[in-house]
Amino acid sequence: LDARQYHGSAYGIAAAKRGFLRPENSWNFQEVTVNGSTIRVELNGNLILNADLAKVTEFMANSPHPGKDRPSGYFGFAGHNDPVAFRNISIKRLP
């Protein structure tokens, strides 16, 4: 995988820091905040991504992600064909 495809990354755009996932069969806690073009990801109490997508100029496969500059969209979960489970998911609007 490209560094921008691992857990917590802005897919294909900005790489998250690695090494903060708990062992397999343990629950992780993650909080993602999207405010405009800025994405902040905290995983198990550690800041793993703090990126302003509007300022990114280098892309995976040298091609900008088609959704990079969209002002709205969806939040997705990608497991890359590995089984995943989720609990206690909430999505809140920023004040």
N, C-alpha and C. Protein backbone atom coordinates (compact mmCIF):
# COMPACT_ATOMS: atom_id res chain seq x y z
N LEU A 1 0.83 -1.20 0.00
CA LEU A 1 0.00 0.00 0.00
C LEU A 1 0.87 1.25 0.00
N ASP A 2 0.36 2.31 -0.57
CA ASP A 2 0.99 3.62 -0.49
C ASP A 2 0.79 4.13 0.95
N ALA A 3 1.70 4.94 1.44
CA ALA A 3 1.59 5.46 2.82
C ALA A 3 0.26 6.18 3.05
N ARG A 4 -0.35 6.72 1.98
CA ARG A 4 -1.61 7.45 2.09
C ARG A 4 -2.83 6.54 2.03
N GLN A 5 -2.61 5.23 2.16
CA GLN A 5 -3.72 4.27 2.15
C GLN A 5 -3.88 3.58 3.51
N TYR A 6 -2.99 3.84 4.43
CA TYR A 6 -3.07 3.15 5.72
C TYR A 6 -4.08 3.81 6.66
N HIS A 7 -4.37 3.12 7.74
CA HIS A 7 -5.39 3.54 8.71
C HIS A 7 -5.26 5.01 9.11
N GLY A 8 -6.37 5.73 9.02
CA GLY A 8 -6.43 7.10 9.47
C GLY A 8 -6.01 8.13 8.44
N SER A 9 -5.53 7.70 7.30
CA SER A 9 -5.08 8.64 6.27
C SER A 9 -6.26 9.27 5.54
N ALA A 10 -6.03 10.42 4.94
CA ALA A 10 -6.97 10.99 3.98
C ALA A 10 -6.64 10.24 2.69
N TYR A 11 -7.48 9.30 2.32
CA TYR A 11 -7.15 8.28 1.33
C TYR A 11 -6.54 8.85 0.05
N GLY A 12 -5.29 8.44 -0.20
CA GLY A 12 -4.59 8.84 -1.41
C GLY A 12 -4.07 10.26 -1.40
N ILE A 13 -4.32 10.99 -0.30
CA ILE A 13 -3.97 12.42 -0.26
C ILE A 13 -2.93 12.73 0.81
N ALA A 14 -3.20 12.33 2.05
CA ALA A 14 -2.31 12.66 3.18
C ALA A 14 -2.15 11.44 4.08
N ALA A 15 -0.90 11.09 4.37
CA ALA A 15 -0.61 9.90 5.17
C ALA A 15 -0.72 10.19 6.66
N ALA A 16 -1.33 9.24 7.38
CA ALA A 16 -1.39 9.32 8.83
C ALA A 16 -0.15 8.67 9.43
N LYS A 17 0.20 9.07 10.66
CA LYS A 17 1.29 8.41 11.38
C LYS A 17 0.84 7.01 11.72
N ARG A 18 1.77 6.08 11.73
CA ARG A 18 1.44 4.68 11.99
C ARG A 18 2.01 4.24 13.33
N GLY A 19 1.50 3.10 13.81
CA GLY A 19 2.03 2.51 15.03
C GLY A 19 1.17 2.73 16.26
N PHE A 20 -0.07 3.19 16.09
CA PHE A 20 -0.92 3.49 17.23
C PHE A 20 -2.17 2.62 17.32
N LEU A 21 -2.29 1.64 16.42
CA LEU A 21 -3.40 0.70 16.51
C LEU A 21 -3.16 -0.27 17.65
N ARG A 22 -4.21 -0.64 18.34
CA ARG A 22 -4.11 -1.63 19.41
C ARG A 22 -3.96 -3.02 18.77
N PRO A 23 -3.56 -4.01 19.56
CA PRO A 23 -3.40 -5.38 19.02
C PRO A 23 -4.71 -5.89 18.42
N GLU A 24 -4.59 -6.85 17.51
CA GLU A 24 -5.78 -7.47 16.93
C GLU A 24 -6.71 -7.97 18.02
N ASN A 25 -7.99 -7.95 17.72
CA ASN A 25 -9.05 -8.38 18.65
C ASN A 25 -9.22 -7.44 19.83
N SER A 26 -8.70 -6.21 19.72
CA SER A 26 -8.91 -5.16 20.73
C SER A 26 -9.61 -4.00 20.03
N TRP A 27 -10.48 -3.32 20.76
CA TRP A 27 -11.16 -2.16 20.19
C TRP A 27 -10.23 -0.96 20.18
N ASN A 28 -10.29 -0.19 19.11
CA ASN A 28 -9.60 1.09 19.00
C ASN A 28 -10.61 2.20 19.21
N PHE A 29 -10.14 3.37 19.61
CA PHE A 29 -10.99 4.56 19.72
C PHE A 29 -10.42 5.60 18.77
N GLN A 30 -11.28 6.09 17.90
CA GLN A 30 -10.82 7.07 16.92
C GLN A 30 -11.81 8.22 16.84
N GLU A 31 -11.28 9.42 16.76
CA GLU A 31 -12.10 10.61 16.57
C GLU A 31 -11.58 11.36 15.35
N VAL A 32 -12.47 11.64 14.43
CA VAL A 32 -12.12 12.35 13.20
C VAL A 32 -12.88 13.67 13.18
N THR A 33 -12.17 14.76 12.96
CA THR A 33 -12.80 16.07 12.84
C THR A 33 -12.48 16.64 11.47
N VAL A 34 -13.53 16.97 10.73
CA VAL A 34 -13.37 17.58 9.41
C VAL A 34 -13.97 18.97 9.51
N ASN A 35 -13.13 19.97 9.34
CA ASN A 35 -13.56 21.37 9.42
C ASN A 35 -13.07 22.07 8.17
N GLY A 36 -13.97 22.25 7.22
CA GLY A 36 -13.56 22.79 5.92
C GLY A 36 -12.64 21.79 5.25
N SER A 37 -11.47 22.24 4.82
CA SER A 37 -10.53 21.35 4.13
C SER A 37 -9.55 20.70 5.09
N THR A 38 -9.69 20.95 6.39
CA THR A 38 -8.76 20.39 7.38
C THR A 38 -9.34 19.12 8.00
N ILE A 39 -8.51 18.09 8.03
CA ILE A 39 -8.90 16.81 8.63
C ILE A 39 -7.93 16.51 9.77
N ARG A 40 -8.50 16.18 10.93
CA ARG A 40 -7.72 15.85 12.12
C ARG A 40 -8.19 14.48 12.59
N VAL A 41 -7.25 13.55 12.79
CA VAL A 41 -7.59 12.20 13.22
C VAL A 41 -6.80 11.87 14.48
N GLU A 42 -7.52 11.50 15.54
CA GLU A 42 -6.90 11.03 16.77
C GLU A 42 -7.24 9.55 16.92
N LEU A 43 -6.24 8.73 17.16
CA LEU A 43 -6.41 7.30 17.32
C LEU A 43 -5.86 6.87 18.68
N ASN A 44 -6.73 6.35 19.52
CA ASN A 44 -6.33 5.89 20.85
C ASN A 44 -5.55 6.97 21.61
N GLY A 45 -6.00 8.23 21.48
CA GLY A 45 -5.39 9.34 22.21
C GLY A 45 -4.17 9.95 21.54
N ASN A 46 -3.84 9.51 20.34
CA ASN A 46 -2.66 10.02 19.63
C ASN A 46 -3.08 10.72 18.34
N LEU A 47 -2.56 11.91 18.10
CA LEU A 47 -2.84 12.63 16.87
C LEU A 47 -2.06 11.96 15.74
N ILE A 48 -2.78 11.36 14.77
CA ILE A 48 -2.10 10.67 13.69
C ILE A 48 -2.22 11.40 12.35
N LEU A 49 -3.15 12.35 12.26
CA LEU A 49 -3.28 13.13 11.02
C LEU A 49 -3.82 14.50 11.37
N ASN A 50 -3.19 15.52 10.85
CA ASN A 50 -3.66 16.89 10.96
C ASN A 50 -3.25 17.57 9.66
N ALA A 51 -4.15 17.54 8.67
CA ALA A 51 -3.79 17.99 7.34
C ALA A 51 -4.84 18.91 6.75
N ASP A 52 -4.37 19.94 6.07
CA ASP A 52 -5.24 20.82 5.30
C ASP A 52 -5.17 20.34 3.86
N LEU A 53 -6.21 19.68 3.40
CA LEU A 53 -6.19 19.09 2.06
C LEU A 53 -6.05 20.13 0.96
N ALA A 54 -6.45 21.36 1.25
CA ALA A 54 -6.32 22.42 0.24
C ALA A 54 -4.86 22.75 -0.04
N LYS A 55 -3.97 22.39 0.87
CA LYS A 55 -2.54 22.71 0.71
C LYS A 55 -1.71 21.55 0.18
N VAL A 56 -2.33 20.39 -0.02
CA VAL A 56 -1.60 19.21 -0.49
C VAL A 56 -1.29 19.35 -1.98
N THR A 57 -0.03 19.09 -2.34
CA THR A 57 0.38 19.21 -3.74
C THR A 57 0.98 17.93 -4.31
N GLU A 58 1.27 16.94 -3.45
CA GLU A 58 1.81 15.66 -3.90
C GLU A 58 0.78 14.58 -3.65
N PHE A 59 0.52 13.77 -4.67
CA PHE A 59 -0.56 12.80 -4.60
C PHE A 59 -0.11 11.39 -4.91
N MET A 60 -0.85 10.43 -4.40
CA MET A 60 -0.62 9.04 -4.72
C MET A 60 -0.78 8.86 -6.23
N ALA A 61 0.13 8.14 -6.84
CA ALA A 61 0.11 7.89 -8.30
C ALA A 61 0.18 9.19 -9.10
N ASN A 62 0.68 10.27 -8.46
CA ASN A 62 0.84 11.57 -9.13
C ASN A 62 -0.44 12.09 -9.75
N SER A 63 -1.57 11.76 -9.15
CA SER A 63 -2.86 12.19 -9.66
C SER A 63 -3.73 12.68 -8.50
N PRO A 64 -4.21 13.93 -8.55
CA PRO A 64 -5.06 14.43 -7.46
C PRO A 64 -6.31 13.58 -7.29
N HIS A 65 -6.68 13.35 -6.05
CA HIS A 65 -7.91 12.61 -5.76
C HIS A 65 -9.08 13.42 -6.29
N PRO A 66 -10.05 12.78 -6.97
CA PRO A 66 -11.15 13.54 -7.56
C PRO A 66 -12.02 14.28 -6.55
N GLY A 67 -12.01 13.88 -5.28
CA GLY A 67 -12.82 14.55 -4.28
C GLY A 67 -12.05 15.52 -3.40
N LYS A 68 -10.79 15.74 -3.68
CA LYS A 68 -9.93 16.56 -2.82
C LYS A 68 -10.51 17.93 -2.51
N ASP A 69 -11.08 18.61 -3.47
CA ASP A 69 -11.55 19.98 -3.27
C ASP A 69 -13.07 20.10 -3.12
N ARG A 70 -13.76 19.00 -2.93
CA ARG A 70 -15.21 19.06 -2.75
C ARG A 70 -15.54 19.62 -1.37
N PRO A 71 -16.52 20.51 -1.28
CA PRO A 71 -16.88 21.08 0.02
C PRO A 71 -17.81 20.19 0.84
N SER A 72 -18.32 19.10 0.26
CA SER A 72 -19.17 18.18 1.00
C SER A 72 -18.95 16.78 0.43
N GLY A 73 -19.44 15.78 1.16
CA GLY A 73 -19.26 14.42 0.68
C GLY A 73 -19.66 13.41 1.73
N TYR A 74 -18.96 12.28 1.75
CA TYR A 74 -19.31 11.17 2.62
C TYR A 74 -18.12 10.77 3.47
N PHE A 75 -18.42 10.11 4.58
CA PHE A 75 -17.40 9.54 5.44
C PHE A 75 -17.41 8.05 5.18
N GLY A 76 -16.26 7.47 4.86
CA GLY A 76 -16.25 6.07 4.50
C GLY A 76 -15.31 5.25 5.36
N PHE A 77 -15.57 3.95 5.42
CA PHE A 77 -14.74 2.99 6.12
C PHE A 77 -14.22 2.00 5.09
N ALA A 78 -12.92 1.85 4.98
CA ALA A 78 -12.34 0.92 4.01
C ALA A 78 -11.54 -0.15 4.75
N GLY A 79 -11.85 -1.42 4.48
CA GLY A 79 -11.16 -2.51 5.16
C GLY A 79 -10.18 -3.24 4.27
N HIS A 80 -10.08 -2.86 3.00
CA HIS A 80 -9.16 -3.53 2.06
C HIS A 80 -9.31 -5.04 2.12
N ASN A 81 -10.56 -5.51 2.08
CA ASN A 81 -10.92 -6.93 2.07
C ASN A 81 -10.66 -7.66 3.39
N ASP A 82 -10.23 -6.96 4.43
CA ASP A 82 -10.09 -7.58 5.75
C ASP A 82 -11.40 -7.38 6.52
N PRO A 83 -11.80 -8.35 7.33
CA PRO A 83 -13.03 -8.17 8.11
C PRO A 83 -12.83 -7.08 9.17
N VAL A 84 -13.83 -6.23 9.33
CA VAL A 84 -13.79 -5.16 10.32
C VAL A 84 -15.12 -5.10 11.05
N ALA A 85 -15.10 -4.55 12.25
CA ALA A 85 -16.32 -4.38 13.03
C ALA A 85 -16.30 -2.99 13.65
N PHE A 86 -17.47 -2.42 13.84
CA PHE A 86 -17.58 -1.07 14.39
C PHE A 86 -18.60 -1.08 15.52
N ARG A 87 -18.42 -0.17 16.47
CA ARG A 87 -19.41 0.02 17.53
C ARG A 87 -19.37 1.47 17.97
N ASN A 88 -20.47 1.94 18.51
CA ASN A 88 -20.57 3.29 19.06
C ASN A 88 -20.14 4.38 18.07
N ILE A 89 -20.65 4.32 16.86
CA ILE A 89 -20.32 5.33 15.85
C ILE A 89 -21.30 6.48 15.97
N SER A 90 -20.78 7.70 15.98
CA SER A 90 -21.64 8.88 15.93
C SER A 90 -21.00 9.92 15.02
N ILE A 91 -21.84 10.59 14.29
CA ILE A 91 -21.40 11.68 13.42
C ILE A 91 -22.13 12.92 13.86
N LYS A 92 -21.37 13.95 14.16
CA LYS A 92 -21.94 15.19 14.69
C LYS A 92 -21.57 16.36 13.80
N ARG A 93 -22.47 17.31 13.73
CA ARG A 93 -22.22 18.54 12.99
C ARG A 93 -21.43 19.49 13.90
N LEU A 94 -20.41 20.16 13.35
CA LEU A 94 -19.62 21.12 14.14
C LEU A 94 -20.47 22.35 14.42
N PRO A 95 -20.24 22.98 15.58
CA PRO A 95 -21.01 24.20 15.90
C PRO A 95 -20.60 25.35 14.99
